[in-house]
Amino acid sequence: MSRFILSLLSLSPVMLSGLAIAAEPARKPNIVLIVADDMGYADAGCYGAKDIRTPNLDRLAKEGTRFTNFCVAQPVCTASRAAIMSGCYPNRLGLSGALNHTSTIGIHPDEMLLPELLQAKGYATAHYGKWHLGTRAKFFPTRNGFDEWVGLPYSNDNGPLHPTVRGIPALPLYANDK
């Protein structure tokens, strides 16, 4: 079975790297989509970094497809993820800016997201890392086309170590919905 894995790393989105590998023409390609916040274009070896070693990303880029031109709908976490997952402008979805631990909104359940489209084509789907499309269970990845999820519901800077906001609870790590 082909797999779709989305890894959304907690660090503002500027890097989108896709990979499609087909072992044989009759087989659907595996798809790995990596979105990394606060990562610049030349922060990985495959894009020219000299001071940061990224051997695994470099190998994925060498063996798969390396994209050199890309944009995001907005330069902030929630909004850019909403656009990538839905193919829509985030303002149309009501998701501009970034959600935090007190947010009560999220990706609308009626939106058709990329993993749901891939599931309909027989893909197994998984999400590892920051979701940032809703902090309530009804918005979680497992309710939006992902078979499994291990990660954070919002940014890693939304916790007790926040530089200016006091009293933020510990950052939750989820395995599926728990």
C-alpha atoms as a PDB file:
ATOM      1  CA  MET A   1       0.000   0.000   0.000  1.00  0.00           C
ATOM      2  CA  SER A   2       1.351   3.440  -0.858  1.00  0.00           C
ATOM      3  CA  ARG A   3       1.718   5.908   1.987  1.00  0.00           C
ATOM      4  CA  PHE A   4       1.293   9.639   2.439  1.00  0.00           C
ATOM      5  CA  ILE A   5       3.167  11.069   5.394  1.00  0.00           C
ATOM      6  CA  LEU A   6       3.038  14.707   6.390  1.00  0.00           C
ATOM      7  CA  SER A   7       5.590  16.000   8.836  1.00  0.00           C
ATOM      8  CA  LEU A   8       4.944  19.498  10.068  1.00  0.00           C
ATOM      9  CA  LEU A   9       7.857  20.562  12.197  1.00  0.00           C
ATOM     10  CA  SER A  10       7.524  23.189  14.908  1.00  0.00           C
ATOM     11  CA  LEU A  11       9.992  25.868  14.216  1.00  0.00           C
ATOM     12  CA  SER A  12       6.865  30.024  10.288  1.00  0.00           C
ATOM     13  CA  PRO A  13       6.727  28.238   7.044  1.00  0.00           C
ATOM     14  CA  VAL A  14       9.227  28.853   4.322  1.00  0.00           C
ATOM     15  CA  MET A  15      10.267  25.392   3.202  1.00  0.00           C
ATOM     16  CA  LEU A  16       8.134  22.902   1.378  1.00  0.00           C
ATOM     17  CA  SER A  17       9.871  19.821   0.098  1.00  0.00           C
ATOM     18  CA  GLY A  18       8.028  17.044  -1.679  1.00  0.00           C
ATOM     19  CA  LEU A  19       9.104  13.589  -2.625  1.00  0.00           C
ATOM     20  CA  ALA A  20       7.506  11.133  -5.007  1.00  0.00           C
ATOM     21  CA  ILE A  21       9.198   7.799  -5.608  1.00  0.00           C
ATOM     22  CA  ALA A  22       7.724   5.064  -7.798  1.00  0.00           C
ATOM     23  CA  ALA A  23       9.284   1.615  -7.529  1.00  0.00           C
ATOM     24  CA  GLU A  24       7.434   0.437 -10.625  1.00  0.00           C
ATOM     25  CA  PRO A  25       5.149   2.229 -13.083  1.00  0.00           C
ATOM     26  CA  ALA A  26       2.001   0.313 -12.051  1.00  0.00           C
ATOM     27  CA  ARG A  27       2.457   1.234  -8.391  1.00  0.00           C
ATOM     28  CA  LYS A  28       1.270   4.514  -6.890  1.00  0.00           C
ATOM     29  CA  PRO A  29       4.154   6.650  -5.652  1.00  0.00           C
ATOM     30  CA  ASN A  30       4.866   7.137  -1.992  1.00  0.00           C
ATOM     31  CA  ILE A  31       4.490  10.794  -1.035  1.00  0.00           C
ATOM     32  CA  VAL A  32       6.348  12.537   1.780  1.00  0.00           C
ATOM     33  CA  LEU A  33       5.569  16.212   2.322  1.00  0.00           C
ATOM     34  CA  ILE A  34       7.751  18.092   4.816  1.00  0.00           C
ATOM     35  CA  VAL A  35       6.841  21.564   6.054  1.00  0.00           C
ATOM     36  CA  ALA A  36       9.323  23.241   8.391  1.00  0.00           C
ATOM     37  CA  ASP A  37       8.653  26.509  10.178  1.00  0.00           C
ATOM     38  CA  ASP A  38      11.362  29.159  10.480  1.00  0.00           C
ATOM     39  CA  MET A  39      13.581  27.395   7.980  1.00  0.00           C
ATOM     40  CA  GLY A  40      15.238  29.437   5.285  1.00  0.00           C
ATOM     41  CA  TYR A  41      15.920  28.330   1.715  1.00  0.00           C
ATOM     42  CA  ALA A  42      19.601  27.553   2.312  1.00  0.00           C
ATOM     43  CA  ASP A  43      19.145  25.888   5.713  1.00  0.00           C
ATOM     44  CA  ALA A  44      19.408  22.362   4.287  1.00  0.00           C
ATOM     45  CA  GLY A  45      22.417  20.904   2.489  1.00  0.00           C
ATOM     46  CA  CYS A  46      20.398  20.102  -0.654  1.00  0.00           C
ATOM     47  CA  TYR A  47      19.674  23.831  -0.954  1.00  0.00           C
ATOM     48  CA  GLY A  48      23.211  25.024  -0.267  1.00  0.00           C
ATOM     49  CA  ALA A  49      23.731  25.007   3.516  1.00  0.00           C
ATOM     50  CA  LYS A  50      27.393  24.708   4.416  1.00  0.00           C
ATOM     51  CA  ASP A  51      27.171  25.091   8.196  1.00  0.00           C
ATOM     52  CA  ILE A  52      24.215  22.780   8.914  1.00  0.00           C
ATOM     53  CA  ARG A  53      24.381  19.053   8.157  1.00  0.00           C
ATOM     54  CA  THR A  54      21.119  17.559   6.852  1.00  0.00           C
ATOM     55  CA  PRO A  55      22.118  14.172   5.406  1.00  0.00           C
ATOM     56  CA  ASN A  56      18.647  12.609   5.535  1.00  0.00           C
ATOM     57  CA  LEU A  57      16.956  15.560   3.831  1.00  0.00           C
ATOM     58  CA  ASP A  58      19.788  15.651   1.302  1.00  0.00           C
ATOM     59  CA  ARG A  59      19.273  11.960   0.517  1.00  0.00           C
ATOM     60  CA  LEU A  60      15.497  12.423   0.115  1.00  0.00           C
ATOM     61  CA  ALA A  61      16.146  15.324  -2.260  1.00  0.00           C
ATOM     62  CA  LYS A  62      18.691  13.329  -4.269  1.00  0.00           C
ATOM     63  CA  GLU A  63      16.510  10.230  -4.604  1.00  0.00           C
ATOM     64  CA  GLY A  64      13.211  12.050  -5.124  1.00  0.00           C
ATOM     65  CA  THR A  65      11.997  15.380  -6.372  1.00  0.00           C
ATOM     66  CA  ARG A  66      13.593  18.578  -5.102  1.00  0.00           C
ATOM     67  CA  PHE A  67      11.523  21.728  -5.505  1.00  0.00           C
ATOM     68  CA  THR A  68      13.348  25.033  -5.981  1.00  0.00           C
ATOM     69  CA  ASN A  69      10.444  27.477  -6.369  1.00  0.00           C
ATOM     70  CA  PHE A  70       7.680  27.647  -3.844  1.00  0.00           C
ATOM     71  CA  CYS A  71       5.481  30.115  -1.990  1.00  0.00           C
ATOM     72  CA  VAL A  72       3.088  30.023   0.929  1.00  0.00           C
ATOM     73  CA  ALA A  73      -0.307  31.702   1.135  1.00  0.00           C
ATOM     74  CA  GLN A  74       0.698  33.511   4.330  1.00  0.00           C
ATOM     75  CA  PRO A  75       4.010  33.537   6.212  1.00  0.00           C
ATOM     76  CA  VAL A  76       2.518  32.178   9.436  1.00  0.00           C
ATOM     77  CA  CYS A  77       1.864  28.672  10.723  1.00  0.00           C
ATOM     78  CA  THR A  78      -1.897  28.025  10.769  1.00  0.00           C
ATOM     79  CA  ALA A  79      -2.653  29.994   7.612  1.00  0.00           C
ATOM     80  CA  SER A  80       0.055  28.361   5.504  1.00  0.00           C
ATOM     81  CA  ARG A  81      -0.894  24.863   6.695  1.00  0.00           C
ATOM     82  CA  ALA A  82      -4.572  25.506   5.922  1.00  0.00           C
ATOM     83  CA  ALA A  83      -3.607  26.491   2.372  1.00  0.00           C
ATOM     84  CA  ILE A  84      -1.308  23.501   1.835  1.00  0.00           C
ATOM     85  CA  MET A  85      -3.839  21.012   3.174  1.00  0.00           C
ATOM     86  CA  SER A  86      -6.923  22.444   1.428  1.00  0.00           C
ATOM     87  CA  GLY A  87      -5.617  24.160  -1.695  1.00  0.00           C
ATOM     88  CA  CYS A  88      -7.598  27.264  -0.645  1.00  0.00           C
ATOM     89  CA  TYR A  89      -6.611  30.701   0.503  1.00  0.00           C
ATOM     90  CA  PRO A  90      -6.570  30.590   4.309  1.00  0.00           C
ATOM     91  CA  ASN A  91      -8.699  33.739   4.645  1.00  0.00           C
ATOM     92  CA  ARG A  92     -11.481  31.925   2.752  1.00  0.00           C
ATOM     93  CA  LEU A  93     -11.267  29.246   5.442  1.00  0.00           C
ATOM     94  CA  GLY A  94     -11.277  31.767   8.300  1.00  0.00           C
ATOM     95  CA  LEU A  95      -7.789  30.677   9.342  1.00  0.00           C
ATOM     96  CA  SER A  96      -5.450  33.624   9.055  1.00  0.00           C
ATOM     97  CA  GLY A  97      -2.598  34.045  11.501  1.00  0.00           C
ATOM     98  CA  ALA A  98      -1.745  31.343  14.021  1.00  0.00           C
ATOM     99  CA  LEU A  99      -3.961  29.492  16.481  1.00  0.00           C
ATOM    100  CA  ASN A 100      -2.872  29.100  20.102  1.00  0.00           C
ATOM    101  CA  HIS A 101      -3.808  26.955  23.087  1.00  0.00           C
ATOM    102  CA  THR A 102      -7.002  28.981  23.744  1.00  0.00           C
ATOM    103  CA  SER A 103      -8.316  28.874  20.157  1.00  0.00           C
ATOM    104  CA  THR A 104     -11.797  27.454  19.662  1.00  0.00           C
ATOM    105  CA  ILE A 105     -11.765  27.472  15.854  1.00  0.00           C
ATOM    106  CA  GLY A 106     -10.047  25.163  13.411  1.00  0.00           C
ATOM    107  CA  ILE A 107     -10.245  23.643   9.943  1.00  0.00           C
ATOM    108  CA  HIS A 108     -13.918  23.153   9.057  1.00  0.00           C
ATOM    109  CA  PRO A 109     -14.935  19.469   8.896  1.00  0.00           C
ATOM    110  CA  ASP A 110     -16.538  19.992   5.484  1.00  0.00           C
ATOM    111  CA  GLU A 111     -13.238  21.070   3.880  1.00  0.00           C
ATOM    112  CA  MET A 112     -11.765  18.378   1.643  1.00  0.00           C
ATOM    113  CA  LEU A 113      -8.124  18.073   2.637  1.00  0.00           C
ATOM    114  CA  LEU A 114      -5.196  16.506   0.798  1.00  0.00           C
ATOM    115  CA  PRO A 115      -5.037  13.384   2.999  1.00  0.00           C
ATOM    116  CA  GLU A 116      -8.757  12.749   2.439  1.00  0.00           C
ATOM    117  CA  LEU A 117      -8.235  12.883  -1.324  1.00  0.00           C
ATOM    118  CA  LEU A 118      -5.303  10.496  -1.010  1.00  0.00           C
ATOM    119  CA  GLN A 119      -7.258   8.109   1.231  1.00  0.00           C
ATOM    120  CA  ALA A 120      -9.951   7.953  -1.452  1.00  0.00           C
ATOM    121  CA  LYS A 121      -7.205   6.775  -3.847  1.00  0.00           C
ATOM    122  CA  GLY A 122      -6.137   3.982  -1.477  1.00  0.00           C
ATOM    123  CA  TYR A 123      -3.280   5.696   0.353  1.00  0.00           C
ATOM    124  CA  ALA A 124      -2.475   5.101   4.004  1.00  0.00           C
ATOM    125  CA  THR A 125      -1.894   8.485   5.638  1.00  0.00           C
ATOM    126  CA  ALA A 126       0.076   9.655   8.667  1.00  0.00           C
ATOM    127  CA  HIS A 127       0.951  13.017  10.188  1.00  0.00           C
ATOM    128  CA  TYR A 128       3.988  13.543  12.409  1.00  0.00           C
ATOM    129  CA  GLY A 129       4.680  16.899  14.020  1.00  0.00           C
ATOM    130  CA  LYS A 130       2.775  20.115  14.533  1.00  0.00           C
ATOM    131  CA  TRP A 131      -0.837  20.158  13.294  1.00  0.00           C
ATOM    132  CA  HIS A 132      -1.807  23.791  14.023  1.00  0.00           C
ATOM    133  CA  LEU A 133      -5.243  23.581  12.344  1.00  0.00           C
ATOM    134  CA  GLY A 134      -7.291  23.380  15.523  1.00  0.00           C
ATOM    135  CA  THR A 135      -6.644  22.567  19.167  1.00  0.00           C
ATOM    136  CA  ARG A 136      -9.962  20.819  19.855  1.00  0.00           C
ATOM    137  CA  ALA A 137     -10.377  17.093  19.145  1.00  0.00           C
ATOM    138  CA  LYS A 138     -12.952  17.709  16.389  1.00  0.00           C
ATOM    139  CA  PHE A 139     -10.230  19.456  14.357  1.00  0.00           C
ATOM    140  CA  PHE A 140      -7.442  16.881  14.876  1.00  0.00           C
ATOM    141  CA  PRO A 141      -5.640  15.184  11.970  1.00  0.00           C
ATOM    142  CA  THR A 142      -7.366  11.862  12.686  1.00  0.00           C
ATOM    143  CA  ARG A 143     -10.697  13.583  11.969  1.00  0.00           C
ATOM    144  CA  ASN A 144      -9.335  15.113   8.767  1.00  0.00           C
ATOM    145  CA  GLY A 145      -8.015  12.273   6.654  1.00  0.00           C
ATOM    146  CA  PHE A 146      -5.016  10.996   8.566  1.00  0.00           C
ATOM    147  CA  ASP A 147      -4.980   7.390   9.745  1.00  0.00           C
ATOM    148  CA  GLU A 148      -2.543   8.237  12.502  1.00  0.00           C
ATOM    149  CA  TRP A 149      -1.002  11.269  14.178  1.00  0.00           C
ATOM    150  CA  VAL A 150       1.806  11.847  16.624  1.00  0.00           C
ATOM    151  CA  GLY A 151       2.504  15.468  17.374  1.00  0.00           C
ATOM    152  CA  LEU A 152       1.539  18.828  18.778  1.00  0.00           C
ATOM    153  CA  PRO A 153      -1.766  20.643  18.258  1.00  0.00           C
ATOM    154  CA  TYR A 154      -0.074  24.094  18.146  1.00  0.00           C
ATOM    155  CA  SER A 155       3.313  25.830  18.240  1.00  0.00           C
ATOM    156  CA  ASN A 156       6.149  24.796  20.498  1.00  0.00           C
ATOM    157  CA  ASP A 157       6.454  28.417  21.693  1.00  0.00           C
ATOM    158  CA  ASN A 158       2.955  28.207  23.232  1.00  0.00           C
ATOM    159  CA  GLY A 159       3.999  26.708  26.543  1.00  0.00           C
ATOM    160  CA  PRO A 160       5.285  27.602  30.007  1.00  0.00           C
ATOM    161  CA  LEU A 161       8.552  28.964  28.571  1.00  0.00           C
ATOM    162  CA  HIS A 162       6.791  31.626  26.452  1.00  0.00           C
ATOM    163  CA  PRO A 163       8.887  34.808  26.704  1.00  0.00           C
ATOM    164  CA  THR A 164       6.025  37.210  27.553  1.00  0.00           C
ATOM    165  CA  VAL A 165       2.810  35.297  28.344  1.00  0.00           C
ATOM    166  CA  ARG A 166       2.701  33.651  31.766  1.00  0.00           C
ATOM    167  CA  GLY A 167       0.499  30.751  32.834  1.00  0.00           C
ATOM    168  CA  ILE A 168       0.424  28.815  29.551  1.00  0.00           C
ATOM    169  CA  PRO A 169       0.008  25.097  30.288  1.00  0.00           C
ATOM    170  CA  ALA A 170       2.549  22.469  29.307  1.00  0.00           C
ATOM    171  CA  LEU A 171       2.657  21.628  25.609  1.00  0.00           C
ATOM    172  CA  PRO A 172       0.615  18.463  24.905  1.00  0.00           C
ATOM    173  CA  LEU A 173       2.036  15.635  22.806  1.00  0.00           C
ATOM    174  CA  TYR A 174      -0.637  13.530  21.146  1.00  0.00           C
ATOM    175  CA  ALA A 175      -0.592  10.001  19.818  1.00  0.00           C
ATOM    176  CA  ASN A 176      -3.731   9.958  17.682  1.00  0.00           C
ATOM    177  CA  ASP A 177      -6.407  11.605  19.845  1.00  0.00           C
ATOM    178  CA  LYS A 178      -4.841  10.920  23.256  1.00  0.00           C
END
